[in-house]
Amino acid sequence: MDFKKYEKEFQKIKEWLLGEFSSIRTGAASVAILDKVKVDAYGSQMPLNQVASISIENAKTLVISPFDKGIMKDIEKGIEVANLGLSAVVSSDVVRLNFPDLTVERREMLLKLAKDKLEEARIRVRRERDEVWKEIQQREKDGEMTEDEKFRLKDGMEDKTKEFYSELDEMYKRKEEEINL
């Protein structure tokens, strides 16, 4: 038995956590924060990046240039509905998003949010580990392996799990440093 499926599921969990961390706003301008913003345009909800180009003007400002100037108000409303904590300044042809400096309280809240996302990822890893363990136990029960093999595989699984946890913790530490800058 190999742990390819377990490793594949872990990669999905890791990608999910990266996505969640990228949506947590720090003091620096980041295009990723707008990934979940939807805009009412052309009769449907569309991702912001499909109706406008987004660029970084400086460390604290994003510039959104709509492909169609007629949807400026819709873009502004979409950003407002997303509740990102950013101030939007609408001019004739672009929307500027200003990232305010983080307060101590806001930093603490962001760190707590990142910690919650880390714990959610850890729970998902544990759930996957439990599935692998059930499979190993079933194989032993069905006579496909000996008890010694079962415990050897369990040790291998636990080693993989510790490795996964350390990768998740490292991702959290990077996000923590980013928030505390």
N, C-alpha and C. Protein backbone atom coordinates (compact mmCIF):
# COMPACT_ATOMS: atom_id res chain seq x y z
N MET A 1 0.85 -1.18 0.00
CA MET A 1 0.00 0.00 0.00
C MET A 1 0.90 1.24 0.00
N ASP A 2 0.57 2.18 -0.84
CA ASP A 2 1.31 3.44 -0.81
C ASP A 2 0.36 4.56 -0.39
N PHE A 3 0.92 5.70 -0.16
CA PHE A 3 0.14 6.82 0.36
C PHE A 3 -0.10 7.89 -0.70
N LYS A 4 -0.10 7.49 -1.98
CA LYS A 4 -0.28 8.46 -3.07
C LYS A 4 -1.61 9.21 -2.94
N LYS A 5 -2.69 8.47 -2.65
CA LYS A 5 -4.01 9.11 -2.53
C LYS A 5 -4.00 10.10 -1.36
N TYR A 6 -3.40 9.69 -0.24
CA TYR A 6 -3.30 10.55 0.94
C TYR A 6 -2.52 11.82 0.61
N GLU A 7 -1.41 11.66 -0.10
CA GLU A 7 -0.59 12.81 -0.49
C GLU A 7 -1.34 13.73 -1.46
N LYS A 8 -2.12 13.14 -2.35
CA LYS A 8 -2.91 13.93 -3.30
C LYS A 8 -3.96 14.76 -2.56
N GLU A 9 -4.62 14.14 -1.59
CA GLU A 9 -5.62 14.86 -0.80
C GLU A 9 -4.95 15.97 0.01
N PHE A 10 -3.77 15.69 0.51
CA PHE A 10 -3.06 16.72 1.27
C PHE A 10 -2.74 17.91 0.37
N GLN A 11 -2.33 17.65 -0.87
CA GLN A 11 -2.04 18.75 -1.80
C GLN A 11 -3.28 19.63 -1.99
N LYS A 12 -4.45 18.99 -2.08
CA LYS A 12 -5.69 19.75 -2.21
C LYS A 12 -5.93 20.62 -0.98
N ILE A 13 -5.67 20.05 0.20
CA ILE A 13 -5.84 20.80 1.44
C ILE A 13 -4.85 21.96 1.49
N LYS A 14 -3.63 21.71 1.08
CA LYS A 14 -2.60 22.75 1.07
C LYS A 14 -2.98 23.89 0.12
N GLU A 15 -3.47 23.54 -1.07
CA GLU A 15 -3.91 24.56 -2.03
C GLU A 15 -5.08 25.36 -1.48
N TRP A 16 -6.00 24.67 -0.80
CA TRP A 16 -7.14 25.36 -0.19
C TRP A 16 -6.64 26.36 0.84
N LEU A 17 -5.71 25.93 1.71
CA LEU A 17 -5.20 26.81 2.75
C LEU A 17 -4.47 28.01 2.15
N LEU A 18 -3.70 27.77 1.10
CA LEU A 18 -3.03 28.89 0.42
C LEU A 18 -4.04 29.91 -0.09
N GLY A 19 -5.13 29.40 -0.67
CA GLY A 19 -6.19 30.29 -1.16
C GLY A 19 -6.83 31.08 -0.03
N GLU A 20 -7.07 30.41 1.08
CA GLU A 20 -7.67 31.09 2.24
C GLU A 20 -6.71 32.14 2.79
N PHE A 21 -5.44 31.80 2.90
CA PHE A 21 -4.46 32.76 3.41
C PHE A 21 -4.32 33.96 2.47
N SER A 22 -4.39 33.72 1.18
CA SER A 22 -4.24 34.84 0.24
C SER A 22 -5.41 35.81 0.32
N SER A 23 -6.55 35.33 0.78
CA SER A 23 -7.71 36.22 0.90
C SER A 23 -7.72 37.00 2.21
N ILE A 24 -6.78 36.69 3.11
CA ILE A 24 -6.68 37.45 4.36
C ILE A 24 -5.82 38.66 4.08
N ARG A 25 -6.42 39.82 4.21
CA ARG A 25 -5.76 41.08 3.84
C ARG A 25 -4.74 41.50 4.87
N THR A 26 -3.59 41.83 4.39
CA THR A 26 -2.55 42.40 5.24
C THR A 26 -2.44 43.88 4.88
N GLY A 27 -1.43 44.55 5.38
CA GLY A 27 -1.28 45.98 5.12
C GLY A 27 -0.82 46.30 3.71
N ALA A 28 -0.34 45.31 2.98
CA ALA A 28 0.18 45.55 1.64
C ALA A 28 -0.87 45.22 0.58
N ALA A 29 -0.84 45.94 -0.51
CA ALA A 29 -1.78 45.70 -1.61
C ALA A 29 -1.53 44.34 -2.23
N SER A 30 -2.60 43.58 -2.42
CA SER A 30 -2.49 42.26 -3.02
C SER A 30 -3.70 42.02 -3.92
N VAL A 31 -3.43 41.62 -5.15
CA VAL A 31 -4.50 41.36 -6.11
C VAL A 31 -5.35 40.16 -5.67
N ALA A 32 -4.75 39.21 -4.97
CA ALA A 32 -5.45 37.99 -4.56
C ALA A 32 -6.66 38.27 -3.68
N ILE A 33 -6.66 39.38 -2.98
CA ILE A 33 -7.79 39.68 -2.10
C ILE A 33 -9.09 39.88 -2.89
N LEU A 34 -8.96 40.18 -4.16
CA LEU A 34 -10.15 40.44 -4.99
C LEU A 34 -10.66 39.18 -5.70
N ASP A 35 -10.02 38.04 -5.47
CA ASP A 35 -10.41 36.81 -6.16
C ASP A 35 -11.86 36.41 -5.93
N LYS A 36 -12.40 36.73 -4.76
CA LYS A 36 -13.77 36.31 -4.43
C LYS A 36 -14.81 37.40 -4.68
N VAL A 37 -14.38 38.54 -5.22
CA VAL A 37 -15.32 39.63 -5.50
C VAL A 37 -16.11 39.32 -6.76
N LYS A 38 -17.44 39.39 -6.64
CA LYS A 38 -18.34 39.16 -7.78
C LYS A 38 -19.00 40.49 -8.15
N VAL A 39 -19.21 40.68 -9.44
CA VAL A 39 -19.81 41.91 -9.96
C VAL A 39 -21.04 41.56 -10.77
N ASP A 40 -22.14 42.30 -10.53
CA ASP A 40 -23.34 42.14 -11.37
C ASP A 40 -23.06 42.83 -12.70
N ALA A 41 -22.83 42.04 -13.72
CA ALA A 41 -22.53 42.61 -15.03
C ALA A 41 -23.14 41.75 -16.11
N TYR A 42 -23.74 42.38 -17.06
CA TYR A 42 -24.30 41.69 -18.22
C TYR A 42 -25.33 40.62 -17.82
N GLY A 43 -26.07 40.90 -16.76
CA GLY A 43 -27.15 40.00 -16.35
C GLY A 43 -26.75 38.82 -15.49
N SER A 44 -25.51 38.78 -15.05
CA SER A 44 -25.10 37.67 -14.18
C SER A 44 -23.98 38.11 -13.24
N GLN A 45 -23.70 37.27 -12.25
CA GLN A 45 -22.60 37.51 -11.32
C GLN A 45 -21.30 37.03 -11.98
N MET A 46 -20.36 37.92 -12.11
CA MET A 46 -19.10 37.57 -12.76
C MET A 46 -17.93 37.91 -11.82
N PRO A 47 -16.87 37.12 -11.86
CA PRO A 47 -15.68 37.48 -11.08
C PRO A 47 -15.12 38.81 -11.57
N LEU A 48 -14.63 39.61 -10.64
CA LEU A 48 -14.11 40.93 -10.96
C LEU A 48 -13.01 40.86 -12.03
N ASN A 49 -12.15 39.85 -11.96
CA ASN A 49 -11.03 39.78 -12.91
C ASN A 49 -11.48 39.45 -14.33
N GLN A 50 -12.76 39.14 -14.54
CA GLN A 50 -13.27 38.90 -15.89
C GLN A 50 -13.91 40.14 -16.51
N VAL A 51 -14.12 41.17 -15.69
CA VAL A 51 -14.73 42.39 -16.21
C VAL A 51 -13.79 43.59 -16.12
N ALA A 52 -12.60 43.38 -15.54
CA ALA A 52 -11.67 44.49 -15.38
C ALA A 52 -10.25 43.97 -15.24
N SER A 53 -9.30 44.84 -15.55
CA SER A 53 -7.90 44.48 -15.27
C SER A 53 -7.55 45.08 -13.91
N ILE A 54 -6.73 44.36 -13.16
CA ILE A 54 -6.37 44.78 -11.81
C ILE A 54 -4.86 44.89 -11.75
N SER A 55 -4.37 46.00 -11.23
CA SER A 55 -2.93 46.17 -11.12
C SER A 55 -2.58 46.82 -9.78
N ILE A 56 -1.33 46.69 -9.40
CA ILE A 56 -0.85 47.29 -8.16
C ILE A 56 -0.19 48.61 -8.51
N GLU A 57 -0.73 49.70 -7.97
CA GLU A 57 -0.17 51.02 -8.23
C GLU A 57 1.04 51.29 -7.33
N ASN A 58 0.89 50.98 -6.05
CA ASN A 58 1.99 51.08 -5.09
C ASN A 58 1.71 50.11 -3.94
N ALA A 59 2.49 50.15 -2.90
CA ALA A 59 2.38 49.17 -1.82
C ALA A 59 1.02 49.20 -1.11
N LYS A 60 0.30 50.29 -1.22
CA LYS A 60 -0.96 50.43 -0.50
C LYS A 60 -2.18 50.63 -1.42
N THR A 61 -2.01 50.54 -2.75
CA THR A 61 -3.10 50.86 -3.67
C THR A 61 -3.20 49.88 -4.83
N LEU A 62 -4.43 49.42 -5.09
CA LEU A 62 -4.74 48.63 -6.28
C LEU A 62 -5.55 49.50 -7.22
N VAL A 63 -5.36 49.30 -8.51
CA VAL A 63 -6.13 50.04 -9.52
C VAL A 63 -6.92 49.04 -10.34
N ILE A 64 -8.22 49.28 -10.44
CA ILE A 64 -9.11 48.42 -11.20
C ILE A 64 -9.59 49.20 -12.41
N SER A 65 -9.28 48.70 -13.61
CA SER A 65 -9.70 49.36 -14.86
C SER A 65 -10.71 48.47 -15.56
N PRO A 66 -12.00 48.85 -15.51
CA PRO A 66 -13.02 48.02 -16.15
C PRO A 66 -12.87 48.03 -17.67
N PHE A 67 -13.18 46.90 -18.29
CA PHE A 67 -13.16 46.81 -19.74
C PHE A 67 -14.29 47.64 -20.34
N ASP A 68 -15.39 47.75 -19.58
CA ASP A 68 -16.55 48.54 -19.99
C ASP A 68 -16.80 49.57 -18.90
N LYS A 69 -16.62 50.84 -19.22
CA LYS A 69 -16.76 51.91 -18.23
C LYS A 69 -18.19 52.01 -17.67
N GLY A 70 -19.14 51.40 -18.32
CA GLY A 70 -20.53 51.44 -17.87
C GLY A 70 -20.81 50.61 -16.62
N ILE A 71 -19.86 49.80 -16.20
CA ILE A 71 -20.10 48.97 -15.02
C ILE A 71 -19.30 49.43 -13.80
N MET A 72 -18.85 50.68 -13.82
CA MET A 72 -18.08 51.22 -12.69
C MET A 72 -18.85 51.09 -11.37
N LYS A 73 -20.12 51.49 -11.38
CA LYS A 73 -20.94 51.43 -10.16
C LYS A 73 -21.13 49.98 -9.70
N ASP A 74 -21.25 49.05 -10.66
CA ASP A 74 -21.40 47.63 -10.31
C ASP A 74 -20.12 47.10 -9.65
N ILE A 75 -18.99 47.54 -10.14
CA ILE A 75 -17.71 47.13 -9.54
C ILE A 75 -17.61 47.68 -8.12
N GLU A 76 -17.95 48.95 -7.96
CA GLU A 76 -17.91 49.56 -6.63
C GLU A 76 -18.84 48.81 -5.66
N LYS A 77 -20.02 48.46 -6.14
CA LYS A 77 -20.99 47.74 -5.30
C LYS A 77 -20.46 46.34 -4.96
N GLY A 78 -19.87 45.66 -5.92
CA GLY A 78 -19.32 44.33 -5.67
C GLY A 78 -18.23 44.34 -4.61
N ILE A 79 -17.40 45.37 -4.64
CA ILE A 79 -16.33 45.50 -3.64
C ILE A 79 -16.94 45.79 -2.27
N GLU A 80 -17.94 46.63 -2.26
CA GLU A 80 -18.63 46.96 -1.00
C GLU A 80 -19.30 45.73 -0.40
N VAL A 81 -19.98 44.95 -1.23
CA VAL A 81 -20.67 43.74 -0.77
C VAL A 81 -19.67 42.71 -0.25
N ALA A 82 -18.48 42.65 -0.84
CA ALA A 82 -17.47 41.68 -0.42
C ALA A 82 -16.92 41.98 0.97
N ASN A 83 -17.16 43.19 1.46
CA ASN A 83 -16.77 43.58 2.82
C ASN A 83 -15.29 43.28 3.10
N LEU A 84 -14.43 43.87 2.30
CA LEU A 84 -12.99 43.63 2.40
C LEU A 84 -12.30 44.59 3.36
N GLY A 85 -13.01 45.60 3.81
CA GLY A 85 -12.40 46.59 4.68
C GLY A 85 -11.50 47.55 3.94
N LEU A 86 -11.74 47.73 2.65
CA LEU A 86 -10.94 48.63 1.82
C LEU A 86 -11.79 49.82 1.42
N SER A 87 -11.13 50.96 1.27
CA SER A 87 -11.87 52.12 0.80
C SER A 87 -11.68 52.24 -0.71
N ALA A 88 -12.80 52.35 -1.43
CA ALA A 88 -12.78 52.45 -2.89
C ALA A 88 -12.98 53.90 -3.30
N VAL A 89 -12.13 54.38 -4.19
CA VAL A 89 -12.25 55.73 -4.73
C VAL A 89 -12.50 55.59 -6.23
N VAL A 90 -13.69 56.04 -6.66
CA VAL A 90 -14.08 55.90 -8.06
C VAL A 90 -13.78 57.20 -8.79
N SER A 91 -13.02 57.09 -9.87
CA SER A 91 -12.79 58.26 -10.73
C SER A 91 -13.48 57.97 -12.06
N SER A 92 -13.22 58.76 -13.04
CA SER A 92 -13.95 58.61 -14.31
C SER A 92 -13.67 57.29 -15.02
N ASP A 93 -12.45 56.75 -14.92
CA ASP A 93 -12.15 55.55 -15.68
C ASP A 93 -11.55 54.39 -14.88
N VAL A 94 -11.25 54.61 -13.59
CA VAL A 94 -10.69 53.54 -12.75
C VAL A 94 -11.27 53.59 -11.34
N VAL A 95 -11.10 52.47 -10.64
CA VAL A 95 -11.44 52.42 -9.22
C VAL A 95 -10.13 52.14 -8.49
N ARG A 96 -9.83 52.97 -7.50
CA ARG A 96 -8.63 52.77 -6.70
C ARG A 96 -9.05 52.22 -5.34
N LEU A 97 -8.36 51.16 -4.92
CA LEU A 97 -8.60 50.58 -3.60
C LEU A 97 -7.41 50.88 -2.72
N ASN A 98 -7.67 51.56 -1.62
CA ASN A 98 -6.61 51.92 -0.70
C ASN A 98 -6.59 50.96 0.49
N PHE A 99 -5.42 50.45 0.78
CA PHE A 99 -5.23 49.55 1.91
C PHE A 99 -4.78 50.38 3.11
N PRO A 100 -5.63 50.52 4.11
CA PRO A 100 -5.22 51.30 5.28
C PRO A 100 -4.20 50.52 6.11
N ASP A 101 -3.44 51.25 6.92
CA ASP A 101 -2.50 50.58 7.82
C ASP A 101 -3.29 49.74 8.81
N LEU A 102 -2.73 48.62 9.20
CA LEU A 102 -3.41 47.73 10.12
C LEU A 102 -3.26 48.22 11.56
N THR A 103 -4.36 48.19 12.29
CA THR A 103 -4.31 48.51 13.71
C THR A 103 -3.92 47.24 14.46
N VAL A 104 -3.57 47.39 15.71
CA VAL A 104 -3.20 46.24 16.53
C VAL A 104 -4.37 45.27 16.63
N GLU A 105 -5.56 45.81 16.81
CA GLU A 105 -6.76 44.96 16.92
C GLU A 105 -7.01 44.20 15.62
N ARG A 106 -6.83 44.87 14.50
CA ARG A 106 -7.04 44.24 13.20
C ARG A 106 -6.00 43.13 12.97
N ARG A 107 -4.77 43.38 13.35
CA ARG A 107 -3.73 42.36 13.22
C ARG A 107 -4.09 41.12 14.04
N GLU A 108 -4.54 41.36 15.28
CA GLU A 108 -4.93 40.25 16.15
C GLU A 108 -6.08 39.46 15.54
N MET A 109 -7.05 40.17 14.97
CA MET A 109 -8.19 39.52 14.35
C MET A 109 -7.75 38.70 13.13
N LEU A 110 -6.85 39.25 12.32
CA LEU A 110 -6.35 38.54 11.14
C LEU A 110 -5.55 37.30 11.54
N LEU A 111 -4.75 37.43 12.60
CA LEU A 111 -3.98 36.28 13.08
C LEU A 111 -4.91 35.18 13.58
N LYS A 112 -5.97 35.58 14.27
CA LYS A 112 -6.94 34.59 14.76
C LYS A 112 -7.63 33.90 13.58
N LEU A 113 -7.99 34.68 12.58
CA LEU A 113 -8.61 34.12 11.38
C LEU A 113 -7.67 33.13 10.69
N ALA A 114 -6.40 33.50 10.55
CA ALA A 114 -5.42 32.61 9.93
C ALA A 114 -5.25 31.35 10.76
N LYS A 115 -5.23 31.48 12.07
CA LYS A 115 -5.10 30.33 12.97
C LYS A 115 -6.30 29.40 12.82
N ASP A 116 -7.51 30.00 12.69
CA ASP A 116 -8.72 29.19 12.48
C ASP A 116 -8.65 28.42 11.17
N LYS A 117 -8.15 29.06 10.12
CA LYS A 117 -8.01 28.38 8.82
C LYS A 117 -6.98 27.26 8.91
N LEU A 118 -5.90 27.51 9.66
CA LEU A 118 -4.89 26.46 9.87
C LEU A 118 -5.51 25.26 10.58
N GLU A 119 -6.30 25.53 11.61
CA GLU A 119 -6.93 24.44 12.36
C GLU A 119 -7.91 23.67 11.48
N GLU A 120 -8.63 24.39 10.63
CA GLU A 120 -9.56 23.72 9.71
C GLU A 120 -8.79 22.79 8.76
N ALA A 121 -7.64 23.24 8.29
CA ALA A 121 -6.80 22.40 7.41
C ALA A 121 -6.29 21.18 8.18
N ARG A 122 -5.89 21.39 9.44
CA ARG A 122 -5.41 20.27 10.26
C ARG A 122 -6.51 19.23 10.46
N ILE A 123 -7.72 19.69 10.68
CA ILE A 123 -8.86 18.78 10.85
C ILE A 123 -9.07 17.97 9.58
N ARG A 124 -8.96 18.62 8.43
CA ARG A 124 -9.12 17.90 7.16
C ARG A 124 -8.02 16.86 6.98
N VAL A 125 -6.78 17.19 7.40
CA VAL A 125 -5.69 16.22 7.31
C VAL A 125 -5.99 15.03 8.24
N ARG A 126 -6.46 15.32 9.46
CA ARG A 126 -6.79 14.23 10.38
C ARG A 126 -7.88 13.33 9.82
N ARG A 127 -8.86 13.94 9.19
CA ARG A 127 -9.96 13.17 8.59
C ARG A 127 -9.42 12.24 7.51
N GLU A 128 -8.52 12.73 6.68
CA GLU A 128 -7.91 11.90 5.63
C GLU A 128 -7.06 10.80 6.24
N ARG A 129 -6.32 11.14 7.30
CA ARG A 129 -5.49 10.14 7.98
C ARG A 129 -6.37 9.02 8.54
N ASP A 130 -7.50 9.40 9.13
CA ASP A 130 -8.41 8.39 9.68
C ASP A 130 -8.96 7.46 8.60
N GLU A 131 -9.21 8.02 7.42
CA GLU A 131 -9.69 7.18 6.30
C GLU A 131 -8.62 6.17 5.89
N VAL A 132 -7.37 6.62 5.84
CA VAL A 132 -6.27 5.72 5.47
C VAL A 132 -6.13 4.63 6.54
N TRP A 133 -6.24 5.01 7.80
CA TRP A 133 -6.11 4.04 8.89
C TRP A 133 -7.22 2.99 8.82
N LYS A 134 -8.44 3.42 8.53
CA LYS A 134 -9.56 2.47 8.38
C LYS A 134 -9.28 1.48 7.25
N GLU A 135 -8.73 2.01 6.16
CA GLU A 135 -8.40 1.14 5.02
C GLU A 135 -7.33 0.12 5.40
N ILE A 136 -6.33 0.57 6.14
CA ILE A 136 -5.26 -0.34 6.57
C ILE A 136 -5.83 -1.42 7.48
N GLN A 137 -6.67 -1.03 8.43
CA GLN A 137 -7.27 -2.00 9.35
C GLN A 137 -8.15 -3.00 8.60
N GLN A 138 -8.89 -2.52 7.63
CA GLN A 138 -9.75 -3.41 6.85
C GLN A 138 -8.93 -4.43 6.07
N ARG A 139 -7.83 -3.97 5.50
CA ARG A 139 -6.96 -4.89 4.74
C ARG A 139 -6.39 -5.98 5.65
N GLU A 140 -6.03 -5.60 6.88
CA GLU A 140 -5.52 -6.60 7.81
C GLU A 140 -6.63 -7.58 8.19
N LYS A 141 -7.83 -7.06 8.42
CA LYS A 141 -8.97 -7.89 8.78
C LYS A 141 -9.31 -8.87 7.65
N ASP A 142 -9.16 -8.39 6.39
CA ASP A 142 -9.44 -9.23 5.22
C ASP A 142 -8.31 -10.21 4.92
N GLY A 143 -7.23 -10.17 5.68
CA GLY A 143 -6.13 -11.10 5.49
C GLY A 143 -5.15 -10.69 4.41
N GLU A 144 -5.22 -9.44 3.95
CA GLU A 144 -4.33 -8.97 2.89
C GLU A 144 -2.95 -8.58 3.43
N MET A 145 -2.84 -8.45 4.76
CA MET A 145 -1.55 -8.09 5.36
C MET A 145 -1.48 -8.62 6.79
N THR A 146 -0.27 -8.69 7.30
CA THR A 146 -0.08 -9.16 8.67
C THR A 146 -0.23 -7.99 9.64
N GLU A 147 -0.28 -8.32 10.91
CA GLU A 147 -0.39 -7.28 11.92
C GLU A 147 0.88 -6.42 11.93
N ASP A 148 2.03 -7.03 11.72
CA ASP A 148 3.29 -6.27 11.66
C ASP A 148 3.26 -5.27 10.51
N GLU A 149 2.75 -5.72 9.35
CA GLU A 149 2.65 -4.80 8.20
C GLU A 149 1.70 -3.65 8.51
N LYS A 150 0.60 -3.97 9.18
CA LYS A 150 -0.38 -2.95 9.55
C LYS A 150 0.29 -1.85 10.38
N PHE A 151 1.06 -2.25 11.39
CA PHE A 151 1.69 -1.25 12.25
C PHE A 151 2.85 -0.53 11.55
N ARG A 152 3.51 -1.20 10.63
CA ARG A 152 4.55 -0.54 9.84
C ARG A 152 3.91 0.55 8.97
N LEU A 153 2.77 0.22 8.35
CA LEU A 153 2.06 1.21 7.54
C LEU A 153 1.52 2.35 8.41
N LYS A 154 1.05 2.01 9.60
CA LYS A 154 0.54 3.04 10.51
C LYS A 154 1.66 4.02 10.85
N ASP A 155 2.86 3.49 11.13
CA ASP A 155 3.99 4.37 11.43
C ASP A 155 4.34 5.26 10.25
N GLY A 156 4.30 4.69 9.05
CA GLY A 156 4.54 5.48 7.84
C GLY A 156 3.50 6.57 7.66
N MET A 157 2.26 6.22 7.93
CA MET A 157 1.17 7.18 7.82
C MET A 157 1.35 8.31 8.82
N GLU A 158 1.73 7.97 10.04
CA GLU A 158 1.94 8.99 11.07
C GLU A 158 3.11 9.91 10.71
N ASP A 159 4.16 9.34 10.12
CA ASP A 159 5.28 10.16 9.67
C ASP A 159 4.83 11.15 8.60
N LYS A 160 4.03 10.66 7.64
CA LYS A 160 3.50 11.55 6.59
C LYS A 160 2.65 12.65 7.20
N THR A 161 1.82 12.28 8.18
CA THR A 161 0.93 13.26 8.81
C THR A 161 1.75 14.34 9.51
N LYS A 162 2.80 13.96 10.23
CA LYS A 162 3.66 14.94 10.89
C LYS A 162 4.31 15.86 9.86
N GLU A 163 4.73 15.30 8.75
CA GLU A 163 5.33 16.09 7.66
C GLU A 163 4.31 17.10 7.13
N PHE A 164 3.07 16.64 6.92
CA PHE A 164 2.01 17.51 6.43
C PHE A 164 1.75 18.65 7.42
N TYR A 165 1.67 18.29 8.71
CA TYR A 165 1.43 19.31 9.74
C TYR A 165 2.54 20.35 9.74
N SER A 166 3.78 19.92 9.59
CA SER A 166 4.88 20.89 9.62
C SER A 166 4.81 21.81 8.40
N GLU A 167 4.39 21.29 7.24
CA GLU A 167 4.22 22.16 6.07
C GLU A 167 3.12 23.19 6.30
N LEU A 168 2.01 22.75 6.90
CA LEU A 168 0.91 23.68 7.20
C LEU A 168 1.36 24.73 8.20
N ASP A 169 2.11 24.30 9.23
CA ASP A 169 2.61 25.25 10.23
C ASP A 169 3.55 26.27 9.60
N GLU A 170 4.37 25.82 8.66
CA GLU A 170 5.29 26.73 7.97
C GLU A 170 4.51 27.77 7.15
N MET A 171 3.43 27.32 6.51
CA MET A 171 2.59 28.26 5.76
C MET A 171 1.99 29.30 6.70
N TYR A 172 1.55 28.86 7.87
CA TYR A 172 0.97 29.78 8.85
C TYR A 172 2.02 30.78 9.33
N LYS A 173 3.22 30.30 9.60
CA LYS A 173 4.29 31.20 10.07
C LYS A 173 4.58 32.30 9.05
N ARG A 174 4.60 31.91 7.77
CA ARG A 174 4.83 32.92 6.71
C ARG A 174 3.71 33.96 6.71
N LYS A 175 2.46 33.50 6.87
CA LYS A 175 1.33 34.43 6.88
C LYS A 175 1.39 35.32 8.13
N GLU A 176 1.78 34.72 9.25
CA GLU A 176 1.90 35.49 10.49
C GLU A 176 2.94 36.59 10.33
N GLU A 177 4.07 36.28 9.72
CA GLU A 177 5.10 37.29 9.48
C GLU A 177 4.58 38.39 8.57
N GLU A 178 3.83 38.00 7.53
CA GLU A 178 3.26 38.97 6.60
C GLU A 178 2.30 39.91 7.30
N ILE A 179 1.49 39.36 8.19
CA ILE A 179 0.51 40.19 8.93
C ILE A 179 1.21 41.14 9.90
N ASN A 180 2.28 40.68 10.51
CA ASN A 180 2.97 41.48 11.52
C ASN A 180 3.98 42.47 10.95
N LEU A 181 4.14 42.52 9.63
CA LEU A 181 5.08 43.50 9.04
C LEU A 181 4.65 44.92 9.29
